[in-house]
Amino acid sequence: MLKPMALKRILVVDDDFYVAQFLSAFLKRKKIDALIAHDQPQTESLLKNEAPCDAVILDLRLKDCEGTDLIPVIHAKWPQVPVVILTGMGYDETLMQEALKKGARGYVSKTLPPEELLAAIERAVDHASSSGHHH
């Protein structure tokens, strides 16, 4: 078994201030740095000015755009970084397919306990870093 890749930095893109703060506080307790963006302009400026993170948690719906519209933007700057979609709306097959088509790695619900959320992100990242290797 490969040891799971340790996540060191995660970009959280969510227009809900409380969700972003909550996730970032949780990640910090796990010794993970969290960068936060609340909208498309903030996301783009972080992409420009920061080194790539290990993963991006991306809210499905942002105030100024669909979260999925940011996936190509993120991948244009950080091609290798896995994007995990965060949704408050439960599972929606069509949205999920669309997100995956655009390049998302996975899909997690905001209603999950944070431990499970992190586990899902780690799985997505592991999957990304080990694609091509079979366990």
C-alpha atoms as a PDB file:
ATOM      1  CA  MET A   1       0.000   0.000   0.000  1.00  0.00           C
ATOM      2  CA  LEU A   2       1.223   3.480  -0.788  1.00  0.00           C
ATOM      3  CA  LYS A   3       1.247   5.810   2.158  1.00  0.00           C
ATOM      4  CA  PRO A   4      -1.377   8.502   1.581  1.00  0.00           C
ATOM      5  CA  MET A   5       0.142  11.720   0.379  1.00  0.00           C
ATOM      6  CA  ALA A   6       0.308  14.178   3.249  1.00  0.00           C
ATOM      7  CA  LEU A   7      -1.694  17.271   2.449  1.00  0.00           C
ATOM      8  CA  LYS A   8       0.115  20.448   3.420  1.00  0.00           C
ATOM      9  CA  ARG A   9      -1.861  23.227   1.768  1.00  0.00           C
ATOM     10  CA  ILE A  10      -5.424  23.346   0.547  1.00  0.00           C
ATOM     11  CA  LEU A  11      -7.230  26.131  -1.244  1.00  0.00           C
ATOM     12  CA  VAL A  12     -10.817  26.488  -0.023  1.00  0.00           C
ATOM     13  CA  VAL A  13     -13.110  28.327  -2.450  1.00  0.00           C
ATOM     14  CA  ASP A  14     -16.492  28.997  -0.883  1.00  0.00           C
ATOM     15  CA  ASP A  15     -18.606  32.140  -0.875  1.00  0.00           C
ATOM     16  CA  ASP A  16     -20.021  31.187   2.512  1.00  0.00           C
ATOM     17  CA  PHE A  17     -17.698  32.922   4.948  1.00  0.00           C
ATOM     18  CA  TYR A  18     -18.609  30.586   7.816  1.00  0.00           C
ATOM     19  CA  VAL A  19     -18.035  27.408   5.855  1.00  0.00           C
ATOM     20  CA  ALA A  20     -14.663  28.694   4.647  1.00  0.00           C
ATOM     21  CA  GLN A  21     -13.616  29.718   8.179  1.00  0.00           C
ATOM     22  CA  PHE A  22     -14.832  26.466   9.667  1.00  0.00           C
ATOM     23  CA  LEU A  23     -12.967  24.367   7.121  1.00  0.00           C
ATOM     24  CA  SER A  24      -9.839  26.415   7.434  1.00  0.00           C
ATOM     25  CA  ALA A  25      -9.878  26.148  11.238  1.00  0.00           C
ATOM     26  CA  PHE A  26     -10.430  22.418  10.984  1.00  0.00           C
ATOM     27  CA  LEU A  27      -7.586  22.006   8.479  1.00  0.00           C
ATOM     28  CA  LYS A  28      -5.226  24.029  10.657  1.00  0.00           C
ATOM     29  CA  ARG A  29      -5.900  21.663  13.549  1.00  0.00           C
ATOM     30  CA  LYS A  30      -4.807  18.919  11.178  1.00  0.00           C
ATOM     31  CA  LYS A  31      -1.594  20.867  10.458  1.00  0.00           C
ATOM     32  CA  ILE A  32      -2.789  21.791   6.976  1.00  0.00           C
ATOM     33  CA  ASP A  33      -2.519  25.362   5.739  1.00  0.00           C
ATOM     34  CA  ALA A  34      -5.705  26.657   4.211  1.00  0.00           C
ATOM     35  CA  LEU A  35      -5.913  29.461   1.688  1.00  0.00           C
ATOM     36  CA  ILE A  36      -9.374  30.952   1.334  1.00  0.00           C
ATOM     37  CA  ALA A  37     -11.072  32.571  -1.627  1.00  0.00           C
ATOM     38  CA  HIS A  38     -14.711  33.631  -1.639  1.00  0.00           C
ATOM     39  CA  ASP A  39     -15.226  34.356  -5.342  1.00  0.00           C
ATOM     40  CA  GLN A  40     -13.707  34.175  -8.785  1.00  0.00           C
ATOM     41  CA  PRO A  41     -11.462  37.287  -8.564  1.00  0.00           C
ATOM     42  CA  GLN A  42      -9.998  36.135  -5.234  1.00  0.00           C
ATOM     43  CA  THR A  43      -9.450  32.658  -6.617  1.00  0.00           C
ATOM     44  CA  GLU A  44      -7.683  34.030  -9.673  1.00  0.00           C
ATOM     45  CA  SER A  45      -5.422  36.289  -7.669  1.00  0.00           C
ATOM     46  CA  LEU A  46      -4.449  33.394  -5.384  1.00  0.00           C
ATOM     47  CA  LEU A  47      -3.727  31.230  -8.424  1.00  0.00           C
ATOM     48  CA  LYS A  48      -1.473  33.965  -9.765  1.00  0.00           C
ATOM     49  CA  ASN A  49       0.374  34.734  -6.559  1.00  0.00           C
ATOM     50  CA  GLU A  50       0.650  31.434  -4.734  1.00  0.00           C
ATOM     51  CA  ALA A  51       2.525  28.224  -5.333  1.00  0.00           C
ATOM     52  CA  PRO A  52       0.161  25.351  -6.183  1.00  0.00           C
ATOM     53  CA  CYS A  53      -1.665  23.791  -3.269  1.00  0.00           C
ATOM     54  CA  ASP A  54      -2.048  20.047  -2.768  1.00  0.00           C
ATOM     55  CA  ALA A  55      -5.779  20.209  -3.392  1.00  0.00           C
ATOM     56  CA  VAL A  56      -8.625  22.625  -3.996  1.00  0.00           C
ATOM     57  CA  ILE A  57     -11.979  22.379  -2.251  1.00  0.00           C
ATOM     58  CA  LEU A  58     -14.411  24.159  -4.520  1.00  0.00           C
ATOM     59  CA  ASP A  59     -17.964  25.124  -3.647  1.00  0.00           C
ATOM     60  CA  LEU A  60     -20.398  24.102  -6.365  1.00  0.00           C
ATOM     61  CA  ARG A  61     -22.175  27.464  -6.384  1.00  0.00           C
ATOM     62  CA  LEU A  62     -20.421  30.769  -5.892  1.00  0.00           C
ATOM     63  CA  LYS A  63     -22.090  34.170  -5.841  1.00  0.00           C
ATOM     64  CA  ASP A  64     -20.485  35.305  -9.060  1.00  0.00           C
ATOM     65  CA  CYS A  65     -20.236  32.057 -11.008  1.00  0.00           C
ATOM     66  CA  GLU A  66     -20.765  28.321 -10.959  1.00  0.00           C
ATOM     67  CA  GLY A  67     -17.967  26.635  -9.035  1.00  0.00           C
ATOM     68  CA  THR A  68     -17.483  24.209 -11.897  1.00  0.00           C
ATOM     69  CA  ASP A  69     -16.611  27.142 -14.196  1.00  0.00           C
ATOM     70  CA  LEU A  70     -13.512  27.676 -12.063  1.00  0.00           C
ATOM     71  CA  ILE A  71     -12.157  24.165 -12.583  1.00  0.00           C
ATOM     72  CA  PRO A  72     -10.611  24.963 -16.004  1.00  0.00           C
ATOM     73  CA  VAL A  73      -9.307  28.251 -14.576  1.00  0.00           C
ATOM     74  CA  ILE A  74      -7.612  26.424 -11.701  1.00  0.00           C
ATOM     75  CA  HIS A  75      -6.209  23.732 -13.977  1.00  0.00           C
ATOM     76  CA  ALA A  76      -4.879  26.303 -16.417  1.00  0.00           C
ATOM     77  CA  LYS A  77      -2.637  27.613 -13.630  1.00  0.00           C
ATOM     78  CA  TRP A  78      -2.180  24.497 -11.483  1.00  0.00           C
ATOM     79  CA  PRO A  79      -2.581  21.592 -13.924  1.00  0.00           C
ATOM     80  CA  GLN A  80      -1.728  18.833 -11.444  1.00  0.00           C
ATOM     81  CA  VAL A  81      -3.866  19.946  -8.531  1.00  0.00           C
ATOM     82  CA  PRO A  82      -6.938  17.829  -7.762  1.00  0.00           C
ATOM     83  CA  VAL A  83     -10.184  19.751  -7.348  1.00  0.00           C
ATOM     84  CA  VAL A  84     -12.844  18.378  -5.023  1.00  0.00           C
ATOM     85  CA  ILE A  85     -16.347  19.813  -5.349  1.00  0.00           C
ATOM     86  CA  LEU A  86     -18.143  20.793  -2.176  1.00  0.00           C
ATOM     87  CA  THR A  87     -21.905  20.881  -2.271  1.00  0.00           C
ATOM     88  CA  GLY A  88     -24.524  21.874   0.222  1.00  0.00           C
ATOM     89  CA  MET A  89     -27.301  20.418  -1.867  1.00  0.00           C
ATOM     90  CA  GLY A  90     -26.875  16.704  -1.497  1.00  0.00           C
ATOM     91  CA  TYR A  91     -25.956  14.467  -4.384  1.00  0.00           C
ATOM     92  CA  ASP A  92     -27.017  15.520  -7.835  1.00  0.00           C
ATOM     93  CA  GLU A  93     -26.080  13.144 -10.622  1.00  0.00           C
ATOM     94  CA  THR A  94     -26.146  15.678 -13.476  1.00  0.00           C
ATOM     95  CA  LEU A  95     -24.109  18.269 -11.584  1.00  0.00           C
ATOM     96  CA  MET A  96     -21.672  15.568 -10.574  1.00  0.00           C
ATOM     97  CA  GLN A  97     -21.193  14.356 -14.148  1.00  0.00           C
ATOM     98  CA  GLU A  98     -20.698  17.906 -15.320  1.00  0.00           C
ATOM     99  CA  ALA A  99     -18.131  18.586 -12.598  1.00  0.00           C
ATOM    100  CA  LEU A 100     -16.233  15.404 -13.455  1.00  0.00           C
ATOM    101  CA  LYS A 101     -16.324  16.257 -17.159  1.00  0.00           C
ATOM    102  CA  LYS A 102     -14.781  19.610 -16.352  1.00  0.00           C
ATOM    103  CA  GLY A 103     -12.032  17.921 -14.415  1.00  0.00           C
ATOM    104  CA  ALA A 104     -13.166  17.597 -10.792  1.00  0.00           C
ATOM    105  CA  ARG A 105     -11.735  14.629  -8.900  1.00  0.00           C
ATOM    106  CA  GLY A 106     -14.546  14.032  -6.490  1.00  0.00           C
ATOM    107  CA  TYR A 107     -17.609  15.350  -4.792  1.00  0.00           C
ATOM    108  CA  VAL A 108     -18.261  15.841  -1.090  1.00  0.00           C
ATOM    109  CA  SER A 109     -21.244  17.149   0.812  1.00  0.00           C
ATOM    110  CA  LYS A 110     -20.982  20.016   3.275  1.00  0.00           C
ATOM    111  CA  THR A 111     -23.178  18.013   5.580  1.00  0.00           C
ATOM    112  CA  LEU A 112     -20.432  15.455   6.160  1.00  0.00           C
ATOM    113  CA  PRO A 113     -18.538  15.619   9.433  1.00  0.00           C
ATOM    114  CA  PRO A 114     -15.217  17.374   8.723  1.00  0.00           C
ATOM    115  CA  GLU A 115     -13.233  14.179   9.376  1.00  0.00           C
ATOM    116  CA  GLU A 116     -15.082  12.443   6.558  1.00  0.00           C
ATOM    117  CA  LEU A 117     -14.734  15.485   4.357  1.00  0.00           C
ATOM    118  CA  LEU A 118     -10.974  15.392   4.820  1.00  0.00           C
ATOM    119  CA  ALA A 119     -10.894  11.643   4.202  1.00  0.00           C
ATOM    120  CA  ALA A 120     -12.758  12.163   0.918  1.00  0.00           C
ATOM    121  CA  ILE A 121     -10.290  14.869  -0.106  1.00  0.00           C
ATOM    122  CA  GLU A 122      -7.352  12.632   0.771  1.00  0.00           C
ATOM    123  CA  ARG A 123      -8.852   9.836  -1.303  1.00  0.00           C
ATOM    124  CA  ALA A 124      -9.252  12.155  -4.275  1.00  0.00           C
ATOM    125  CA  VAL A 125      -5.677  13.387  -3.945  1.00  0.00           C
ATOM    126  CA  ASP A 126      -4.319   9.890  -3.493  1.00  0.00           C
ATOM    127  CA  HIS A 127      -6.217   8.825  -6.523  1.00  0.00           C
ATOM    128  CA  ALA A 128      -4.674  11.734  -8.406  1.00  0.00           C
ATOM    129  CA  SER A 129      -1.110  11.058  -7.308  1.00  0.00           C
ATOM    130  CA  SER A 130      -1.339   7.329  -7.896  1.00  0.00           C
ATOM    131  CA  SER A 131      -3.316   7.177 -11.127  1.00  0.00           C
ATOM    132  CA  GLY A 132      -1.473   4.800 -13.366  1.00  0.00           C
ATOM    133  CA  HIS A 133      -0.332   2.672 -10.417  1.00  0.00           C
ATOM    134  CA  HIS A 134      -2.544  -0.142  -9.289  1.00  0.00           C
ATOM    135  CA  HIS A 135      -2.544  -1.071  -5.617  1.00  0.00           C
END
